[in-house]
């Protein structure tokens, strides 16, 4: 099988879909890998590194896509990239978020009889092995940004998360006990903050409590508990997610009106549309805006801040599934590999995701009937 790696073109996205080590592993199994020139530069991987690993270098995106059976990206193609999908059917692999993403991308994939595998949905029994490292890295990066933006240098009130002797620590409220939320809570606790974690799922809270230890406070995310925890908080971190769907809006403008002056809200759900009524995407160049007197930090794709580490973690996680595709071919890989089966949103031009159908219109067919 020929895999094609496209350069990421979204502003602020520095990751690359495959590292040279992952390329080397695929080439060793007899596959061809074509990499767009300078794809890995921002993540610290040179074109020479890819060539040494056995990749063929292409100097245009069309040179990557032409002849490739699977096109690999970190994030979904932007509208100006959709012409790359026109032609023969493609297999597109990446964090696609089709349910709340571009309708034009969905329409293009359907019209070109392509197949879309959404990496955020690769998994089974509640596990998301490709999404997990990105979520955890994002949660850790969030706390580094929190501490900076609480300081005077970051435009904050000049507070230290962990306080000091005789100075109480800051109160951090984390809404969502998934991978990103627990990672953020753990980093906050490592910095000696007081942490409360809220979630609607008792099982998720139990897992969070086991991971974080007895000093983390957990509570069911009832309207009362959310309102109370937000009002007490110096920092609120939204980490709410529903796989394959837009994030639910769990925070309203009225919640923020109760928060302290100088407090900070971080929306880790912004890649899925945000979990508050006041959320809108920002960038690392201009990360903060103020709504209802609360400073908001809603930077998408936080793992890009540490693009080299994140790209390596991503390649390690995705490589077993690319090997399965290369070894068995698309149809047989989906039959044999439940995590890949669960990630399939569009199959050979047929919509197979009910969630995508609900948000973009159309009727979803059952994938087993098409295999």
Foldseek 3Di string as FASTA:
>chain_A
DEEFWEADDDPLFQATQAALVLLLVVVVVPYAYEYEAPRNVSLPGHPVSNVVSPYHYDPDLLRRLVPGQEYEGAEADDPVCLVSCPDAAHEYEYQYLLLPDDLVNLVSNLVNQYWYFHLQQQDPPPDRLLVLVLLLLLLLLVVVVVQCCCDVNNVFPHDQQQADVVGHHFEEEEEDLDRNSLSNQQNSVVSNHQYEYEEQDPVSQVVSCVVRDDRYHYDYPDVVVLLVSLLRGLEYEYDADDPSAAGAQPEELVSLLSHDARGEYEFQSVVRPTRHPPDDEDDPVGQWDDGSRYIYGYHPSSSSVNRNVSNVSNSVRCSVLVVLCVVQNDPVSLVVRVSRVRRIQRHSSAGADPSSCVSNNDDHDHPVVVD
